[in-house]
Protein backbone atom coordinates (compact mmCIF):
# COMPACT_ATOMS: atom_id res chain seq x y z
CA MET A 1 64.34 -0.86 -85.97
CA HIS A 2 66.34 -0.55 -82.52
CA TYR A 3 68.81 -3.47 -84.33
CA GLN A 4 69.12 -1.55 -87.18
CA ALA A 5 69.80 1.80 -85.45
CA GLY A 6 72.25 0.12 -83.14
CA LEU A 7 74.58 -0.85 -86.56
CA LEU A 8 74.55 2.42 -87.86
CA LEU A 9 76.33 3.49 -84.30
CA PRO A 10 80.23 4.34 -84.96
CA GLU A 11 82.41 2.23 -82.60
CA SER A 12 83.18 5.03 -80.45
CA CYS A 13 79.15 5.83 -79.66
CA HIS A 14 78.44 4.29 -75.85
CA HIS A 15 75.83 6.33 -74.22
CA GLY A 16 73.43 9.43 -75.29
CA PRO A 17 69.48 9.26 -74.23
CA ALA A 18 70.07 5.74 -73.16
CA VAL A 19 73.36 2.91 -73.09
CA TYR A 20 74.00 1.67 -76.86
CA PRO A 21 75.01 -1.73 -77.38
CA THR A 22 78.38 -0.53 -78.35
CA ALA A 23 79.39 -0.18 -75.00
CA TRP A 24 79.10 -4.04 -74.54
CA LYS A 25 82.92 -5.14 -74.60
CA ASP A 26 84.24 -8.91 -73.66
CA GLY A 27 81.17 -9.85 -72.03
CA GLU A 28 81.21 -6.50 -70.26
CA CYS A 29 79.33 -3.10 -70.36
CA ARG A 30 81.52 -0.38 -69.34
CA TYR A 31 78.86 1.78 -67.70
CA PHE A 32 77.41 -1.21 -65.33
CA LYS A 33 76.81 -0.04 -61.61
CA GLU A 34 76.03 -2.41 -59.18
CA LYS A 35 73.55 -1.44 -56.77
CA ARG A 36 74.02 -1.48 -53.67
CA LEU A 37 71.73 -0.47 -50.08
CA VAL A 38 73.20 2.41 -48.87
CA GLN A 39 72.58 4.48 -45.74
CA LYS A 40 71.12 8.36 -47.31
CA ALA A 41 70.80 10.99 -45.14
CA TRP A 42 68.99 14.27 -44.85
CA GLY A 43 67.81 16.95 -42.60
CA PHE A 44 70.74 20.18 -41.25
CA THR A 45 69.20 21.39 -38.32
CA HIS A 46 71.94 20.04 -36.02
CA ILE A 47 75.21 20.13 -38.38
CA TYR A 48 75.70 23.57 -37.41
CA ASP A 49 75.78 22.92 -33.49
CA ASN A 50 79.57 22.54 -32.47
CA LEU A 51 80.81 25.26 -34.78
CA PRO A 52 81.46 28.74 -33.35
CA ARG A 53 78.73 31.77 -33.67
CA LYS A 54 80.46 33.26 -36.16
CA ASP A 55 81.32 30.42 -38.49
CA LYS A 56 77.89 29.47 -38.88
CA THR A 57 77.34 31.18 -41.31
CA ALA A 58 80.24 30.93 -43.50
CA ALA A 59 79.47 27.02 -43.28
CA ARG A 60 76.15 27.14 -44.22
CA LEU A 61 76.94 28.93 -47.48
CA CYS A 62 79.97 26.48 -48.07
CA ILE A 63 77.16 23.75 -47.58
CA ARG A 64 75.08 25.50 -50.15
CA SER A 65 77.19 26.23 -52.46
CA TYR A 66 78.96 22.69 -52.51
CA PHE A 67 75.16 21.51 -53.63
CA SER A 68 74.80 24.12 -56.46
CA THR A 69 74.09 27.99 -56.66
CA GLY A 70 71.08 29.22 -54.76
CA CYS A 71 69.11 28.02 -52.11
CA GLY A 72 66.85 24.80 -53.90
CA PRO A 73 69.02 22.03 -53.16
CA TYR A 74 69.89 22.56 -49.74
CA TYR A 75 66.60 23.05 -49.15
CA ARG A 76 65.58 20.15 -50.81
CA TYR A 77 68.54 17.64 -49.29
CA HIS A 78 67.41 19.73 -45.97
CA HIS A 79 63.84 18.83 -45.84
CA GLY A 80 63.99 14.88 -47.15
CA ASP A 81 62.94 15.47 -51.07
CA MET A 82 66.64 14.40 -52.14
CA LEU A 83 68.76 12.19 -50.05
CA LEU A 84 72.31 12.87 -49.11
CA THR A 85 74.45 9.39 -50.87
CA PRO A 86 77.45 8.51 -48.52
CA LYS A 87 79.87 10.60 -50.46
CA GLN A 88 77.88 14.19 -50.26
CA GLN A 89 78.31 12.97 -46.29
CA ASP A 90 81.24 13.12 -46.29
CA ASP A 91 82.14 15.88 -48.09
CA VAL A 92 79.18 18.03 -45.89
CA MET A 93 81.62 17.10 -42.73
CA MET A 94 84.38 17.99 -44.49
CA ILE A 95 83.76 21.13 -45.02
CA ILE A 96 81.89 20.95 -41.44
CA ALA A 97 85.33 19.98 -40.05
CA LYS A 98 86.93 23.19 -41.73
CA TYR A 99 85.22 25.45 -38.97
CA GLY A 100 84.98 23.32 -35.75
CA SER A 101 84.40 19.71 -34.50
CA THR A 102 82.11 17.10 -36.17
CA ASP A 103 81.94 15.13 -33.33
CA GLY A 104 78.39 13.68 -32.42
CA ILE A 105 76.88 15.56 -35.51
CA ARG A 106 74.74 13.89 -37.27
CA PHE A 107 72.25 14.61 -40.15
CA ASP A 108 68.65 14.43 -38.82
CA HIS A 109 67.24 11.70 -40.44
CA TYR A 110 68.24 8.18 -41.71
CA VAL A 111 67.52 5.63 -44.37
CA GLU A 112 68.57 2.68 -45.74
CA ALA A 113 67.92 3.16 -49.87
CA TRP A 114 68.98 1.61 -52.89
CA ASP A 115 72.17 3.19 -54.55
CA PHE A 116 72.23 2.32 -58.44
CA GLY A 117 75.51 4.50 -59.63
């Protein structure tokens, strides 16, 4: 049945709720991502330490809005329910750098984890 459904897919349709066989072209899948072991982080307790007191609130609001509107995702990354990817870690540090020094600033916790994308 899956095979028959795949025959009905237009050539331009490569993904939906799954990656379809039409994504496989010339021996390669255009959606393939190599898994790799990376250092993920969580916790924001000390990232504001080098900032002037007057800028801490603005920096915190910037970082919260980086993740989305509202506080939910920010606190999930702070408490370790969600882990920051290396790119997100760099982005957060760039936001902090706009307000002050990032020398010696670290996230609260680090863990090696697989990154699939």
